[in-house]
Amino acid sequence: QVQLVESGGGSVQAGGSLRLSCAASGRPLINYPMGWFRQAPGKEREFVAAISGGYSNTDYTDAVKGRFTISRDGAKNTLYLQMNSLNAEDTAVYYCAARSTIGTRWYANSDEYSYWGQGTQVTVSS
């Protein structure tokens, strides 16, 4: 069974940076598509970034392009989300997710993911 544990959230002022980590256990996930999603209070969960297995192609929602970077470290079996130039609209609980099958494409639809972390809170004050 795959387990995902996020860390790195916190409170930061607008313009600041945070790096979220998602440590995976249960199996190596280097060849599995993974993603980051977020849910703000009173809103539905939304796609943030995704990375494919294998060659690690990436995709981002327009709101974070140029500010966020998704990456992975296969040796540490960990997924990252580097977040720069944060603004108040980035405030949310951030979740990492992994698919249950190997693949070389990314996925933006949360329904495509089988495994989820517990979430980490990111709060940006203006």
Foldseek 3Di string as FASTA:
>chain_A
DKAWAKDWADEEAAQAKIKMKIFIDDDQCQQWKKAKWWDDPPGDIFGAKIFHHDVTDMDGDPVQPPFWDWDDDRVRSMIMIIGGRDDQVPWTWMKMFTAPDGDGDIDGDPVRTDYMHPTDTHGYHD
